[in-house]
Amino acid sequence: MMVMEGGEPMARDAGQIQTVAKAVMRPVFRTLWRVTARGLDHLPERGPAILAPNHISVIDSFMLPLVLPRRITFVGKAEYMDDWKTKTLFPALGMIPIDRAGGDASARALDAAAGILDSGELFGIYPEGTRARDGLLHKGHTGVARLACRTGAPIIPVGILGTRAIQPPDTPVPRPFRPAEIRLGPPIHAPAETDDRMVFRQITDELMYEIRELTGQDYVDTYATKPAAPAAPVETLETTASPEMPERRSSASVLSAAAL
């Protein structure tokens, strides 16, 4: 399913379903889990923005939409929507499907995301690319930076804490009555219309630095992969920081250096 063909109606439909789902699910989640949100003042009241969280649990995609005052849309794999449960559940979370079979799936996903941002909506994307089963913060992919440079939308770093204790890897049912916290950081503004890979990488490293500042996770300079790595202990909201994080450089300083 190509999202760009009728993608905007699909995004609107997903947003309408998400509005109803929030009204129904928020009381349930507040009863089952103590979810708090900080830094919501960093979220623009209107207009596009890219929310870029760490990804430590399946339940992350439930928690983030429920604490935001605005609706958010994700792009997900079309094969996830292969039965009645996922066809209902994922649109309720604001996900629109993209067919990753054949062709350049990354380009199609980027086009779909750009369409959502161009319509003034929020778009969510995990910069690590997949869930980090080991609980660590992994090297970010540059898709977030490419999207920000293409659309001019600010990047909002998001730190999610506590969800791995609620639903650890390979745990089918979330554990109730545990705390979780969503933290939003100050926006990162990327330079407009650049194809410089160094700029993309430095913006991405800056984003991962800011996420680590929000979560305190240990950082590893490798990409997260789907096969299970030796799992780190399931932690509470308190984590420790790693000294291995690349030195922080702002996107503005990167752009200046690239121009030299």
Protein backbone atom coordinates (compact mmCIF):
# COMPACT_ATOMS: atom_id res chain seq x y z
CA MET A 1 0.00 0.00 0.00
CA MET A 2 1.57 3.26 -1.10
CA VAL A 3 0.80 5.89 1.49
CA MET A 4 1.40 8.77 -0.90
CA GLU A 5 -1.54 7.60 -3.01
CA GLY A 6 -4.32 8.82 -0.80
CA GLY A 7 -1.89 9.22 2.08
CA GLU A 8 -3.41 12.44 3.44
CA PRO A 9 -6.93 10.94 3.77
CA MET A 10 -5.39 7.94 5.53
CA ALA A 11 -3.56 10.24 7.93
CA ARG A 12 -6.76 12.17 8.64
CA ASP A 13 -8.65 8.93 9.26
CA ALA A 14 -5.92 7.71 11.60
CA GLY A 15 -6.01 11.01 13.45
CA GLN A 16 -9.79 10.86 13.89
CA ILE A 17 -9.58 7.32 15.25
CA GLN A 18 -6.74 8.35 17.55
CA THR A 19 -8.84 11.16 19.04
CA VAL A 20 -11.56 8.68 19.99
CA ALA A 21 -9.02 6.12 21.20
CA LYS A 22 -7.39 8.68 23.49
CA ALA A 23 -10.70 9.48 25.16
CA VAL A 24 -11.32 5.78 25.79
CA MET A 25 -7.80 4.60 26.63
CA ARG A 26 -6.47 7.46 28.77
CA PRO A 27 -8.58 6.58 31.84
CA VAL A 28 -7.59 2.92 31.47
CA PHE A 29 -3.88 3.72 31.22
CA ARG A 30 -4.04 6.14 34.14
CA THR A 31 -5.59 3.40 36.23
CA LEU A 32 -3.12 0.70 35.22
CA TRP A 33 0.09 2.76 35.02
CA ARG A 34 1.38 5.97 36.57
CA VAL A 35 2.40 7.78 33.40
CA THR A 36 3.74 11.32 33.72
CA ALA A 37 4.87 13.74 31.03
CA ARG A 38 7.44 16.53 31.26
CA GLY A 39 8.51 19.17 28.79
CA LEU A 40 5.21 19.39 26.91
CA ASP A 41 5.87 23.12 26.58
CA HIS A 42 8.51 22.19 23.97
CA LEU A 43 5.74 20.86 21.72
CA PRO A 44 4.43 23.53 19.34
CA GLU A 45 0.73 24.28 19.73
CA ARG A 46 0.30 24.08 15.98
CA GLY A 47 2.33 23.33 12.90
CA PRO A 48 4.61 20.42 12.01
CA ALA A 49 7.15 18.78 14.28
CA ILE A 50 9.06 15.50 14.31
CA LEU A 51 8.98 13.63 17.61
CA ALA A 52 11.98 11.33 17.95
CA PRO A 53 11.89 8.99 20.98
CA ASN A 54 14.11 6.19 22.19
CA HIS A 55 12.47 2.78 21.81
CA ILE A 56 12.76 0.26 24.65
CA SER A 57 9.40 -1.53 24.72
CA VAL A 58 6.48 -2.49 22.51
CA ILE A 59 4.24 -0.35 24.71
CA ASP A 60 6.15 2.86 23.80
CA SER A 61 3.87 3.36 20.81
CA PHE A 62 0.86 3.32 23.15
CA MET A 63 2.28 5.64 25.79
CA LEU A 64 3.49 8.54 23.65
CA PRO A 65 0.24 9.32 21.77
CA LEU A 66 -1.77 9.16 24.99
CA VAL A 67 0.21 11.86 26.80
CA LEU A 68 0.39 14.34 23.92
CA PRO A 69 -2.19 17.13 23.63
CA ARG A 70 -2.02 16.81 19.82
CA ARG A 71 -2.48 13.80 17.61
CA ILE A 72 0.61 12.16 16.18
CA THR A 73 1.08 9.89 13.18
CA PHE A 74 3.59 7.09 12.69
CA VAL A 75 4.43 5.15 9.54
CA GLY A 76 4.53 1.39 10.09
CA LYS A 77 4.95 -1.79 8.10
CA ALA A 78 1.84 -2.78 6.15
CA GLU A 79 2.36 -6.42 7.09
CA TYR A 80 1.55 -5.52 10.71
CA MET A 81 -2.02 -4.79 9.64
CA ASP A 82 -2.86 -8.32 8.59
CA ASP A 83 -5.73 -9.12 10.94
CA TRP A 84 -8.72 -7.39 12.51
CA LYS A 85 -6.85 -6.59 15.73
CA THR A 86 -3.99 -4.71 14.13
CA LYS A 87 -6.24 -3.13 11.51
CA THR A 88 -8.12 -1.54 14.41
CA LEU A 89 -5.31 -1.04 16.91
CA PHE A 90 -2.62 0.59 14.79
CA PRO A 91 -4.85 3.28 13.25
CA ALA A 92 -6.00 4.03 16.80
CA LEU A 93 -2.35 4.75 17.60
CA GLY A 94 -2.05 6.99 14.54
CA MET A 95 -0.11 4.54 12.35
CA ILE A 96 -0.51 4.50 8.59
CA PRO A 97 0.85 1.52 6.64
CA ILE A 98 3.63 1.49 4.08
CA ASP A 99 4.48 -1.48 1.89
CA ARG A 100 8.16 -2.26 2.46
CA ALA A 101 8.28 -4.96 -0.24
CA GLY A 102 10.06 -4.01 -3.44
CA GLY A 103 11.50 -0.71 -4.55
CA ASP A 104 12.94 1.85 -2.22
CA ALA A 105 10.89 1.44 0.96
CA SER A 106 12.89 4.10 2.80
CA ALA A 107 12.13 6.70 0.13
CA ARG A 108 8.43 5.83 0.24
CA ALA A 109 8.36 6.12 4.01
CA LEU A 110 10.16 9.48 3.80
CA ASP A 111 7.65 10.72 1.22
CA ALA A 112 4.76 9.64 3.44
CA ALA A 113 6.27 11.37 6.46
CA ALA A 114 6.93 14.55 4.49
CA GLY A 115 3.30 14.63 3.38
CA ILE A 116 2.14 14.44 7.00
CA LEU A 117 4.48 17.26 8.07
CA ASP A 118 3.58 19.41 5.07
CA SER A 119 -0.05 19.23 6.24
CA GLY A 120 1.01 20.74 9.60
CA GLU A 121 0.76 17.55 11.68
CA LEU A 122 3.06 15.82 14.16
CA PHE A 123 5.06 12.86 12.93
CA GLY A 124 6.72 10.28 15.18
CA ILE A 125 9.78 8.24 14.25
CA TYR A 126 12.20 6.12 16.26
CA PRO A 127 15.73 7.20 15.25
CA GLU A 128 17.18 3.86 16.35
CA GLY A 129 15.05 2.22 13.66
CA THR A 130 13.81 -0.61 15.84
CA ARG A 131 13.25 -1.50 19.47
CA ALA A 132 16.45 -1.84 21.50
CA ARG A 133 15.89 -5.17 23.22
CA ASP A 134 18.97 -4.68 25.41
CA GLY A 135 17.61 -1.46 26.91
CA LEU A 136 20.57 0.61 25.70
CA LEU A 137 20.52 3.72 23.53
CA HIS A 138 21.89 2.86 20.09
CA LYS A 139 23.35 4.82 17.22
CA GLY A 140 20.68 6.75 15.33
CA HIS A 141 19.83 6.40 11.66
CA THR A 142 19.90 9.62 9.65
CA GLY A 143 16.31 9.47 8.37
CA VAL A 144 15.11 11.92 11.03
CA ALA A 145 17.71 14.50 9.99
CA ARG A 146 16.94 14.02 6.29
CA LEU A 147 13.25 14.53 6.98
CA ALA A 148 13.87 17.68 9.05
CA CYS A 149 16.11 19.20 6.38
CA ARG A 150 13.59 18.39 3.68
CA THR A 151 10.51 19.79 5.45
CA GLY A 152 11.92 22.43 7.80
CA ALA A 153 10.08 20.82 10.72
CA PRO A 154 11.82 20.98 14.12
CA ILE A 155 12.95 17.75 15.78
CA ILE A 156 11.66 17.23 19.33
CA PRO A 157 13.88 14.76 21.26
CA VAL A 158 11.78 12.44 23.42
CA GLY A 159 12.95 10.28 26.30
CA ILE A 160 10.79 7.35 27.36
CA LEU A 161 11.54 5.81 30.76
CA GLY A 162 10.03 2.91 32.65
CA THR A 163 8.23 1.14 29.81
CA ARG A 164 10.77 -1.68 29.65
CA ALA A 165 9.86 -2.59 33.22
CA ILE A 166 6.18 -2.52 32.23
CA GLN A 167 6.67 -4.78 29.21
CA PRO A 168 10.13 -6.37 28.94
CA PRO A 169 11.18 -8.18 25.74
CA ASP A 170 9.17 -11.32 24.98
CA THR A 171 6.56 -10.43 27.61
CA PRO A 172 3.12 -10.67 25.94
CA VAL A 173 1.14 -8.81 28.61
CA PRO A 174 2.20 -5.47 30.17
CA ARG A 175 2.72 -5.46 33.92
CA PRO A 176 0.26 -3.16 35.70
CA PHE A 177 0.79 -0.57 38.42
CA ARG A 178 4.29 0.50 37.37
CA PRO A 179 5.46 4.06 36.61
CA ALA A 180 6.53 5.43 33.25
CA GLU A 181 7.63 8.88 32.19
CA ILE A 182 7.73 10.74 28.87
CA ARG A 183 10.21 13.64 28.65
CA LEU A 184 10.31 16.12 25.77
CA GLY A 185 13.44 18.18 25.17
CA PRO A 186 14.04 21.50 23.41
CA PRO A 187 13.63 21.39 19.63
CA ILE A 188 16.53 20.89 17.26
CA HIS A 189 16.34 23.05 14.13
CA ALA A 190 17.99 21.55 11.09
CA PRO A 191 19.32 23.52 8.10
CA ALA A 192 16.99 23.58 5.12
CA GLU A 193 17.50 21.66 1.89
CA THR A 194 20.91 20.06 2.23
CA ASP A 195 22.19 16.74 0.89
CA ASP A 196 25.36 16.79 2.98
CA ARG A 197 25.71 13.40 4.66
CA MET A 198 28.04 14.85 7.28
CA VAL A 199 25.34 17.31 8.29
CA PHE A 200 22.78 14.48 8.49
CA ARG A 201 25.11 12.44 10.71
CA GLN A 202 25.95 15.34 13.02
CA ILE A 203 22.30 16.32 13.46
CA THR A 204 21.54 12.68 14.26
CA ASP A 205 24.37 12.50 16.81
CA GLU A 206 23.10 15.71 18.40
CA LEU A 207 19.62 14.16 18.61
CA MET A 208 20.93 10.99 20.26
CA TYR A 209 22.92 13.12 22.72
CA GLU A 210 19.76 14.99 23.69
CA ILE A 211 17.81 11.76 24.08
CA ARG A 212 20.51 10.38 26.35
CA GLU A 213 20.35 13.58 28.40
CA LEU A 214 16.63 12.95 28.85
CA THR A 215 16.84 9.23 29.68
CA GLY A 216 20.30 8.71 31.19
CA GLN A 217 20.63 5.50 29.17
CA ASP A 218 23.96 3.89 28.45
CA TYR A 219 24.93 4.63 24.84
CA VAL A 220 26.52 2.20 22.38
CA ASP A 221 27.82 3.33 19.00
CA THR A 222 26.20 0.47 17.06
CA TYR A 223 22.83 0.18 15.38
CA ALA A 224 20.04 -1.65 17.15
CA THR A 225 19.25 -4.96 15.49
CA LYS A 226 16.26 -7.25 15.66
CA PRO A 227 18.09 -10.38 16.89
CA ALA A 228 18.17 -10.39 20.67
CA ALA A 229 21.43 -9.24 22.20
CA PRO A 230 22.35 -10.12 25.79
CA ALA A 231 19.72 -8.17 27.66
CA ALA A 232 20.62 -5.54 30.17
CA PRO A 233 18.83 -5.77 33.53
CA VAL A 234 15.32 -4.40 33.43
CA GLU A 235 15.63 -1.00 35.05
CA THR A 236 13.31 1.44 36.71
CA LEU A 237 13.18 5.12 35.83
CA GLU A 238 16.72 5.62 37.12
CA THR A 239 19.52 4.81 34.66
CA THR A 240 23.18 5.65 34.32
CA ALA A 241 24.92 7.54 31.55
CA SER A 242 27.70 6.17 29.38
CA PRO A 243 30.86 8.11 28.59
CA GLU A 244 30.91 6.65 25.05
CA MET A 245 28.48 9.19 23.57
CA PRO A 246 29.99 11.26 20.74
CA GLU A 247 30.80 14.84 21.65
CA ARG A 248 27.76 17.07 21.24
CA ARG A 249 27.83 19.52 18.35
CA SER A 250 24.89 21.70 17.42
CA SER A 251 23.48 21.49 13.90
CA ALA A 252 24.35 25.17 13.46
CA SER A 253 28.04 24.54 14.17
CA VAL A 254 28.00 21.55 11.83
CA LEU A 255 26.55 23.63 9.02
CA SER A 256 29.19 26.31 9.57
CA ALA A 257 31.97 23.73 9.47
CA ALA A 258 30.59 22.18 6.29
CA ALA A 259 30.65 25.56 4.58
CA LEU A 260 34.37 26.02 5.18
